[in-house]
Amino acid sequence: MSDAIPSRVAPRAENTLFQADGVLVTTERLVAGGRAWPLGEVLRVEAIHQSPRVLPLLVLLGVSTVLGLPAIMTAMVARDALGQGIYEAALGCMTVVAFGSIAGLLLAQDQYWLVLWTRGSARRVLLSRDPEHISRLAQGVTEALRAARPRP
């Protein structure tokens, strides 16, 4: 009869390889956007650029100034015009729409996303308006992933 002690496999220590702005890469997992993925599931990380949608704002601005304003002014001076208060309210609304469109165009900015690709999907995990920041972050996470994977 042998007094063999059952062998236990000691769990590997999880070391941090990269950590910045809500993204953590350890020797075992990647944590970003409030979720964690085992490193084996992560295929790649990249930075993508997303331009703002300005066409709807341009159309709204054009319609309000080129069609809306002249239509209200023409109706205002017609012989069978309704009460003055209705046209003043319509002009006020048209002004809000036009200046709101201009403000939207002035505030529109490009967005940059850190995207995590797994076997099942791609997930946008971090948003920034700074392209260099997202690019550096993607590069750091990619290097950490390479370092964590065993070489064939």
N, C-alpha and C. Protein backbone atom coordinates (compact mmCIF):
# COMPACT_ATOMS: atom_id res chain seq x y z
N MET A 1 0.84 -1.16 0.00
CA MET A 1 0.00 0.00 0.00
C MET A 1 0.89 1.23 0.00
N SER A 2 0.63 2.10 -0.86
CA SER A 2 1.49 3.28 -0.96
C SER A 2 0.81 4.47 -0.32
N ASP A 3 1.59 5.30 0.31
CA ASP A 3 1.07 6.51 0.94
C ASP A 3 1.26 7.69 0.00
N ALA A 4 0.78 7.55 -1.17
CA ALA A 4 0.94 8.63 -2.16
C ALA A 4 -0.02 9.78 -1.82
N ILE A 5 0.51 10.93 -1.85
CA ILE A 5 -0.30 12.13 -1.62
C ILE A 5 -0.83 12.60 -2.97
N PRO A 6 -2.14 12.83 -3.05
CA PRO A 6 -2.68 13.28 -4.33
C PRO A 6 -2.00 14.58 -4.74
N SER A 7 -1.63 14.61 -6.01
CA SER A 7 -0.95 15.83 -6.48
C SER A 7 -1.98 16.91 -6.80
N ARG A 8 -1.65 18.08 -6.42
CA ARG A 8 -2.50 19.22 -6.70
C ARG A 8 -1.79 20.10 -7.69
N VAL A 9 -2.56 20.58 -8.61
CA VAL A 9 -1.99 21.52 -9.58
C VAL A 9 -2.23 22.91 -9.03
N ALA A 10 -1.17 23.59 -8.79
CA ALA A 10 -1.29 24.94 -8.26
C ALA A 10 -1.82 25.87 -9.34
N PRO A 11 -2.78 26.69 -8.99
CA PRO A 11 -3.30 27.62 -9.99
C PRO A 11 -2.22 28.62 -10.40
N ARG A 12 -2.22 28.93 -11.69
CA ARG A 12 -1.24 29.89 -12.18
C ARG A 12 -1.58 31.28 -11.65
N ALA A 13 -0.57 32.00 -11.33
CA ALA A 13 -0.78 33.36 -10.87
C ALA A 13 -1.16 34.23 -12.07
N GLU A 14 -2.14 35.07 -11.86
CA GLU A 14 -2.60 35.96 -12.93
C GLU A 14 -1.82 37.26 -12.83
N ASN A 15 -0.99 37.54 -13.83
CA ASN A 15 -0.18 38.75 -13.83
C ASN A 15 -0.77 39.77 -14.79
N THR A 16 -0.70 41.02 -14.40
CA THR A 16 -1.19 42.10 -15.25
C THR A 16 -0.15 42.42 -16.31
N LEU A 17 -0.59 42.39 -17.57
CA LEU A 17 0.30 42.72 -18.68
C LEU A 17 0.09 44.14 -19.17
N PHE A 18 -1.17 44.61 -19.08
CA PHE A 18 -1.50 45.94 -19.57
C PHE A 18 -2.73 46.42 -18.83
N GLN A 19 -2.71 47.69 -18.42
CA GLN A 19 -3.88 48.28 -17.78
C GLN A 19 -3.90 49.77 -18.07
N ALA A 20 -4.99 50.23 -18.69
CA ALA A 20 -5.16 51.66 -18.96
C ALA A 20 -6.61 51.93 -19.32
N ASP A 21 -7.16 53.00 -18.80
CA ASP A 21 -8.48 53.51 -19.16
C ASP A 21 -9.58 52.46 -19.22
N GLY A 22 -9.69 51.66 -18.21
CA GLY A 22 -10.77 50.69 -18.14
C GLY A 22 -10.53 49.41 -18.92
N VAL A 23 -9.33 49.22 -19.44
CA VAL A 23 -8.98 47.99 -20.15
C VAL A 23 -7.86 47.32 -19.37
N LEU A 24 -8.06 46.04 -19.07
CA LEU A 24 -7.08 45.26 -18.33
C LEU A 24 -6.78 43.99 -19.10
N VAL A 25 -5.49 43.73 -19.32
CA VAL A 25 -5.07 42.47 -19.94
C VAL A 25 -4.15 41.78 -18.94
N THR A 26 -4.55 40.57 -18.57
CA THR A 26 -3.73 39.76 -17.68
C THR A 26 -3.26 38.54 -18.46
N THR A 27 -2.52 37.69 -17.80
CA THR A 27 -2.05 36.47 -18.46
C THR A 27 -3.18 35.50 -18.74
N GLU A 28 -4.35 35.74 -18.16
CA GLU A 28 -5.48 34.82 -18.32
C GLU A 28 -6.68 35.41 -19.07
N ARG A 29 -6.89 36.72 -18.98
CA ARG A 29 -8.13 37.30 -19.51
C ARG A 29 -7.95 38.75 -19.94
N LEU A 30 -8.93 39.23 -20.68
CA LEU A 30 -9.01 40.63 -21.07
C LEU A 30 -10.32 41.17 -20.51
N VAL A 31 -10.25 42.29 -19.81
CA VAL A 31 -11.43 42.91 -19.21
C VAL A 31 -11.59 44.29 -19.82
N ALA A 32 -12.77 44.53 -20.40
CA ALA A 32 -13.06 45.84 -21.00
C ALA A 32 -14.56 46.01 -21.12
N GLY A 33 -15.01 47.24 -21.00
CA GLY A 33 -16.43 47.52 -21.16
C GLY A 33 -17.32 46.77 -20.18
N GLY A 34 -16.80 46.51 -18.98
CA GLY A 34 -17.59 45.83 -17.97
C GLY A 34 -17.72 44.34 -18.17
N ARG A 35 -16.96 43.78 -19.09
CA ARG A 35 -17.01 42.34 -19.38
C ARG A 35 -15.62 41.76 -19.43
N ALA A 36 -15.51 40.45 -19.19
CA ALA A 36 -14.22 39.78 -19.24
C ALA A 36 -14.27 38.65 -20.27
N TRP A 37 -13.16 38.47 -20.99
CA TRP A 37 -13.03 37.40 -21.97
C TRP A 37 -11.74 36.64 -21.68
N PRO A 38 -11.80 35.31 -21.72
CA PRO A 38 -10.56 34.54 -21.63
C PRO A 38 -9.69 34.88 -22.84
N LEU A 39 -8.38 34.92 -22.66
CA LEU A 39 -7.50 35.31 -23.77
C LEU A 39 -7.65 34.39 -24.98
N GLY A 40 -8.01 33.16 -24.75
CA GLY A 40 -8.19 32.23 -25.86
C GLY A 40 -9.31 32.62 -26.80
N GLU A 41 -10.28 33.38 -26.31
CA GLU A 41 -11.41 33.81 -27.14
C GLU A 41 -11.11 35.07 -27.94
N VAL A 42 -10.14 35.85 -27.51
CA VAL A 42 -9.85 37.13 -28.16
C VAL A 42 -8.98 36.89 -29.39
N LEU A 43 -9.51 37.24 -30.55
CA LEU A 43 -8.76 37.08 -31.79
C LEU A 43 -7.88 38.28 -32.09
N ARG A 44 -8.46 39.47 -31.96
CA ARG A 44 -7.68 40.69 -32.21
C ARG A 44 -8.40 41.90 -31.61
N VAL A 45 -7.65 42.97 -31.53
CA VAL A 45 -8.15 44.25 -31.03
C VAL A 45 -7.76 45.30 -32.05
N GLU A 46 -8.69 46.21 -32.36
CA GLU A 46 -8.35 47.27 -33.31
C GLU A 46 -9.07 48.56 -32.96
N ALA A 47 -8.57 49.63 -33.53
CA ALA A 47 -9.18 50.95 -33.37
C ALA A 47 -9.94 51.27 -34.65
N ILE A 48 -11.19 51.73 -34.51
CA ILE A 48 -11.95 52.12 -35.69
C ILE A 48 -12.41 53.57 -35.56
N HIS A 49 -12.64 54.19 -36.69
CA HIS A 49 -13.05 55.58 -36.78
C HIS A 49 -14.51 55.64 -37.23
N GLN A 50 -15.30 56.49 -36.59
CA GLN A 50 -16.70 56.66 -36.96
C GLN A 50 -16.97 58.15 -37.13
N SER A 51 -17.35 58.54 -38.33
CA SER A 51 -17.67 59.94 -38.61
C SER A 51 -19.09 60.25 -38.16
N PRO A 52 -19.34 61.49 -37.75
CA PRO A 52 -20.70 61.85 -37.34
C PRO A 52 -21.62 61.91 -38.55
N ARG A 53 -22.89 61.67 -38.31
CA ARG A 53 -23.89 61.76 -39.39
C ARG A 53 -24.39 63.20 -39.45
N VAL A 54 -23.94 63.92 -40.46
CA VAL A 54 -24.33 65.32 -40.59
C VAL A 54 -25.39 65.54 -41.66
N LEU A 55 -25.63 64.58 -42.52
CA LEU A 55 -26.60 64.75 -43.60
C LEU A 55 -28.01 65.08 -43.08
N PRO A 56 -28.52 64.39 -42.05
CA PRO A 56 -29.85 64.77 -41.55
C PRO A 56 -29.90 66.20 -41.04
N LEU A 57 -28.83 66.66 -40.40
CA LEU A 57 -28.80 68.04 -39.91
C LEU A 57 -28.75 69.04 -41.06
N LEU A 58 -28.00 68.73 -42.09
CA LEU A 58 -27.94 69.61 -43.26
C LEU A 58 -29.28 69.69 -43.97
N VAL A 59 -29.96 68.56 -44.09
CA VAL A 59 -31.28 68.54 -44.73
C VAL A 59 -32.26 69.35 -43.89
N LEU A 60 -32.26 69.18 -42.61
CA LEU A 60 -33.16 69.92 -41.71
C LEU A 60 -32.90 71.42 -41.79
N LEU A 61 -31.63 71.80 -41.79
CA LEU A 61 -31.28 73.21 -41.90
C LEU A 61 -31.73 73.78 -43.25
N GLY A 62 -31.47 73.05 -44.32
CA GLY A 62 -31.86 73.52 -45.65
C GLY A 62 -33.36 73.65 -45.81
N VAL A 63 -34.10 72.66 -45.36
CA VAL A 63 -35.55 72.70 -45.48
C VAL A 63 -36.14 73.83 -44.64
N SER A 64 -35.62 74.01 -43.44
CA SER A 64 -36.18 75.06 -42.57
C SER A 64 -35.89 76.46 -43.10
N THR A 65 -34.74 76.68 -43.68
CA THR A 65 -34.41 78.03 -44.15
C THR A 65 -34.85 78.30 -45.58
N VAL A 66 -34.74 77.30 -46.45
CA VAL A 66 -35.06 77.53 -47.86
C VAL A 66 -36.55 77.37 -48.14
N LEU A 67 -37.22 76.46 -47.46
CA LEU A 67 -38.64 76.24 -47.71
C LEU A 67 -39.53 76.76 -46.58
N GLY A 68 -39.19 76.45 -45.36
CA GLY A 68 -40.04 76.80 -44.22
C GLY A 68 -40.19 78.29 -43.98
N LEU A 69 -39.08 78.98 -43.91
CA LEU A 69 -39.12 80.42 -43.64
C LEU A 69 -39.88 81.20 -44.71
N PRO A 70 -39.59 81.01 -46.00
CA PRO A 70 -40.38 81.73 -47.02
C PRO A 70 -41.86 81.35 -47.01
N ALA A 71 -42.18 80.10 -46.74
CA ALA A 71 -43.60 79.69 -46.70
C ALA A 71 -44.34 80.39 -45.58
N ILE A 72 -43.72 80.50 -44.41
CA ILE A 72 -44.36 81.19 -43.28
C ILE A 72 -44.51 82.68 -43.58
N MET A 73 -43.46 83.28 -44.14
CA MET A 73 -43.52 84.72 -44.44
C MET A 73 -44.59 85.02 -45.49
N THR A 74 -44.71 84.15 -46.50
CA THR A 74 -45.73 84.34 -47.54
C THR A 74 -47.12 84.20 -46.94
N ALA A 75 -47.34 83.21 -46.12
CA ALA A 75 -48.64 83.01 -45.50
C ALA A 75 -48.99 84.15 -44.55
N MET A 76 -48.00 84.75 -43.96
CA MET A 76 -48.19 85.83 -43.00
C MET A 76 -48.76 87.09 -43.66
N VAL A 77 -48.34 87.35 -44.89
CA VAL A 77 -48.78 88.58 -45.57
C VAL A 77 -49.97 88.36 -46.49
N ALA A 78 -50.49 87.14 -46.56
CA ALA A 78 -51.64 86.86 -47.40
C ALA A 78 -52.89 87.54 -46.85
N ARG A 79 -53.85 87.82 -47.75
CA ARG A 79 -55.08 88.50 -47.33
C ARG A 79 -55.88 87.69 -46.32
N ASP A 80 -55.92 86.40 -46.52
CA ASP A 80 -56.72 85.57 -45.63
C ASP A 80 -55.86 84.96 -44.51
N ALA A 81 -54.87 85.72 -44.06
CA ALA A 81 -53.95 85.25 -43.02
C ALA A 81 -54.69 85.02 -41.70
N LEU A 82 -54.24 84.00 -41.00
CA LEU A 82 -54.81 83.70 -39.68
C LEU A 82 -54.27 84.71 -38.67
N GLY A 83 -54.57 84.52 -37.42
CA GLY A 83 -54.11 85.43 -36.38
C GLY A 83 -52.58 85.52 -36.33
N GLN A 84 -52.09 86.68 -35.95
CA GLN A 84 -50.66 86.96 -35.92
C GLN A 84 -49.88 86.01 -35.00
N GLY A 85 -50.49 85.58 -33.92
CA GLY A 85 -49.81 84.72 -32.95
C GLY A 85 -49.40 83.37 -33.53
N ILE A 86 -50.18 82.85 -34.46
CA ILE A 86 -49.86 81.56 -35.07
C ILE A 86 -48.57 81.67 -35.87
N TYR A 87 -48.42 82.74 -36.63
CA TYR A 87 -47.22 82.92 -37.46
C TYR A 87 -46.00 83.21 -36.61
N GLU A 88 -46.18 83.94 -35.54
CA GLU A 88 -45.06 84.20 -34.64
C GLU A 88 -44.57 82.90 -34.00
N ALA A 89 -45.51 82.04 -33.62
CA ALA A 89 -45.14 80.75 -33.05
C ALA A 89 -44.42 79.89 -34.10
N ALA A 90 -44.91 79.90 -35.32
CA ALA A 90 -44.29 79.13 -36.40
C ALA A 90 -42.88 79.64 -36.68
N LEU A 91 -42.71 80.97 -36.69
CA LEU A 91 -41.37 81.54 -36.89
C LEU A 91 -40.43 81.18 -35.74
N GLY A 92 -40.95 81.18 -34.53
CA GLY A 92 -40.14 80.78 -33.38
C GLY A 92 -39.69 79.33 -33.50
N CYS A 93 -40.60 78.46 -33.89
CA CYS A 93 -40.24 77.04 -34.08
C CYS A 93 -39.21 76.88 -35.19
N MET A 94 -39.40 77.62 -36.27
CA MET A 94 -38.46 77.53 -37.40
C MET A 94 -37.07 78.02 -36.97
N THR A 95 -37.02 79.04 -36.16
CA THR A 95 -35.75 79.55 -35.66
C THR A 95 -35.05 78.50 -34.78
N VAL A 96 -35.81 77.87 -33.90
CA VAL A 96 -35.24 76.83 -33.03
C VAL A 96 -34.69 75.68 -33.87
N VAL A 97 -35.44 75.26 -34.89
CA VAL A 97 -34.99 74.16 -35.74
C VAL A 97 -33.71 74.55 -36.49
N ALA A 98 -33.68 75.75 -37.07
CA ALA A 98 -32.51 76.18 -37.85
C ALA A 98 -31.28 76.31 -36.96
N PHE A 99 -31.40 76.99 -35.82
CA PHE A 99 -30.24 77.16 -34.95
C PHE A 99 -29.85 75.86 -34.24
N GLY A 100 -30.82 75.00 -33.99
CA GLY A 100 -30.50 73.69 -33.43
C GLY A 100 -29.69 72.85 -34.42
N SER A 101 -30.04 72.94 -35.69
CA SER A 101 -29.28 72.23 -36.72
C SER A 101 -27.86 72.76 -36.82
N ILE A 102 -27.72 74.08 -36.77
CA ILE A 102 -26.39 74.70 -36.83
C ILE A 102 -25.55 74.26 -35.62
N ALA A 103 -26.17 74.27 -34.44
CA ALA A 103 -25.45 73.84 -33.23
C ALA A 103 -25.03 72.38 -33.35
N GLY A 104 -25.91 71.52 -33.86
CA GLY A 104 -25.57 70.12 -34.05
C GLY A 104 -24.40 69.94 -35.00
N LEU A 105 -24.36 70.74 -36.06
CA LEU A 105 -23.25 70.67 -37.02
C LEU A 105 -21.94 71.14 -36.38
N LEU A 106 -22.02 72.18 -35.58
CA LEU A 106 -20.82 72.70 -34.92
C LEU A 106 -20.27 71.74 -33.87
N LEU A 107 -21.15 71.00 -33.22
CA LEU A 107 -20.73 70.10 -32.14
C LEU A 107 -20.40 68.69 -32.62
N ALA A 108 -20.70 68.38 -33.88
CA ALA A 108 -20.43 67.05 -34.42
C ALA A 108 -18.92 66.79 -34.44
N GLN A 109 -18.52 65.64 -33.90
CA GLN A 109 -17.11 65.26 -33.85
C GLN A 109 -16.95 63.80 -34.23
N ASP A 110 -15.79 63.49 -34.74
CA ASP A 110 -15.47 62.10 -35.03
C ASP A 110 -15.35 61.32 -33.73
N GLN A 111 -15.67 60.03 -33.81
CA GLN A 111 -15.54 59.16 -32.66
C GLN A 111 -14.60 58.02 -33.02
N TYR A 112 -13.88 57.54 -32.03
CA TYR A 112 -12.93 56.45 -32.22
C TYR A 112 -13.25 55.38 -31.18
N TRP A 113 -13.32 54.13 -31.65
CA TRP A 113 -13.70 53.02 -30.80
C TRP A 113 -12.58 52.00 -30.70
N LEU A 114 -12.42 51.42 -29.53
CA LEU A 114 -11.58 50.25 -29.35
C LEU A 114 -12.52 49.05 -29.53
N VAL A 115 -12.21 48.21 -30.53
CA VAL A 115 -13.09 47.09 -30.87
C VAL A 115 -12.38 45.78 -30.55
N LEU A 116 -13.08 44.91 -29.86
CA LEU A 116 -12.56 43.61 -29.46
C LEU A 116 -13.23 42.55 -30.33
N TRP A 117 -12.42 41.78 -31.05
CA TRP A 117 -12.92 40.72 -31.92
C TRP A 117 -12.74 39.37 -31.24
N THR A 118 -13.84 38.62 -31.16
CA THR A 118 -13.80 37.25 -30.64
C THR A 118 -14.33 36.33 -31.74
N ARG A 119 -14.35 35.05 -31.45
CA ARG A 119 -14.85 34.10 -32.45
C ARG A 119 -16.30 34.38 -32.80
N GLY A 120 -17.08 34.80 -31.85
CA GLY A 120 -18.51 35.00 -32.07
C GLY A 120 -18.92 36.38 -32.55
N SER A 121 -18.15 37.41 -32.23
CA SER A 121 -18.62 38.75 -32.56
C SER A 121 -17.50 39.78 -32.42
N ALA A 122 -17.88 41.00 -32.78
CA ALA A 122 -17.02 42.16 -32.54
C ALA A 122 -17.77 43.05 -31.57
N ARG A 123 -17.06 43.58 -30.59
CA ARG A 123 -17.71 44.41 -29.58
C ARG A 123 -16.94 45.70 -29.39
N ARG A 124 -17.65 46.81 -29.48
CA ARG A 124 -17.05 48.11 -29.20
C ARG A 124 -16.99 48.27 -27.69
N VAL A 125 -15.77 48.40 -27.16
CA VAL A 125 -15.62 48.39 -25.70
C VAL A 125 -15.21 49.73 -25.11
N LEU A 126 -14.67 50.64 -25.91
CA LEU A 126 -14.25 51.93 -25.37
C LEU A 126 -14.36 53.01 -26.43
N LEU A 127 -14.91 54.16 -26.06
CA LEU A 127 -15.12 55.28 -26.97
C LEU A 127 -14.24 56.45 -26.56
N SER A 128 -13.68 57.14 -27.57
CA SER A 128 -12.89 58.34 -27.31
C SER A 128 -12.99 59.27 -28.52
N ARG A 129 -12.73 60.52 -28.30
CA ARG A 129 -12.68 61.48 -29.41
C ARG A 129 -11.23 61.73 -29.84
N ASP A 130 -10.29 61.09 -29.16
CA ASP A 130 -8.87 61.26 -29.44
C ASP A 130 -8.35 60.04 -30.21
N PRO A 131 -8.02 60.20 -31.50
CA PRO A 131 -7.58 59.05 -32.29
C PRO A 131 -6.26 58.46 -31.80
N GLU A 132 -5.34 59.29 -31.35
CA GLU A 132 -4.05 58.79 -30.88
C GLU A 132 -4.21 57.95 -29.61
N HIS A 133 -5.11 58.38 -28.74
CA HIS A 133 -5.34 57.65 -27.50
C HIS A 133 -5.85 56.24 -27.79
N ILE A 134 -6.86 56.12 -28.62
CA ILE A 134 -7.43 54.81 -28.95
C ILE A 134 -6.40 53.96 -29.70
N SER A 135 -5.63 54.58 -30.57
CA SER A 135 -4.61 53.83 -31.32
C SER A 135 -3.54 53.27 -30.38
N ARG A 136 -3.07 54.10 -29.44
CA ARG A 136 -2.07 53.63 -28.47
C ARG A 136 -2.64 52.52 -27.59
N LEU A 137 -3.89 52.68 -27.20
CA LEU A 137 -4.55 51.67 -26.38
C LEU A 137 -4.67 50.35 -27.14
N ALA A 138 -5.09 50.40 -28.39
CA ALA A 138 -5.21 49.18 -29.21
C ALA A 138 -3.85 48.52 -29.39
N GLN A 139 -2.83 49.32 -29.61
CA GLN A 139 -1.48 48.78 -29.77
C GLN A 139 -1.00 48.12 -28.48
N GLY A 140 -1.23 48.75 -27.35
CA GLY A 140 -0.83 48.18 -26.06
C GLY A 140 -1.53 46.87 -25.76
N VAL A 141 -2.83 46.82 -26.03
CA VAL A 141 -3.58 45.59 -25.79
C VAL A 141 -3.11 44.49 -26.74
N THR A 142 -2.86 44.83 -28.00
CA THR A 142 -2.38 43.84 -28.98
C THR A 142 -1.03 43.27 -28.56
N GLU A 143 -0.12 44.11 -28.11
CA GLU A 143 1.19 43.64 -27.65
C GLU A 143 1.05 42.74 -26.41
N ALA A 144 0.15 43.10 -25.51
CA ALA A 144 -0.07 42.27 -24.32
C ALA A 144 -0.66 40.92 -24.71
N LEU A 145 -1.56 40.90 -25.69
CA LEU A 145 -2.13 39.63 -26.15
C LEU A 145 -1.05 38.75 -26.77
N ARG A 146 -0.17 39.35 -27.57
CA ARG A 146 0.93 38.58 -28.18
C ARG A 146 1.84 38.00 -27.10
N ALA A 147 2.14 38.79 -26.09
CA ALA A 147 3.03 38.34 -25.02
C ALA A 147 2.39 37.21 -24.20
N ALA A 148 1.08 37.23 -24.08
CA ALA A 148 0.40 36.24 -23.26
C ALA A 148 0.21 34.91 -23.97
N ARG A 149 0.22 34.92 -25.28
CA ARG A 149 0.00 33.67 -26.04
C ARG A 149 1.30 32.92 -26.19
N PRO A 150 1.24 31.61 -26.04
CA PRO A 150 2.46 30.81 -26.22
C PRO A 150 2.87 30.78 -27.68
N ARG A 151 4.14 30.80 -27.92
CA ARG A 151 4.67 30.76 -29.29
C ARG A 151 4.65 29.31 -29.78
N PRO A 152 4.26 29.08 -31.06
CA PRO A 152 4.22 27.70 -31.58
C PRO A 152 5.60 27.16 -31.83
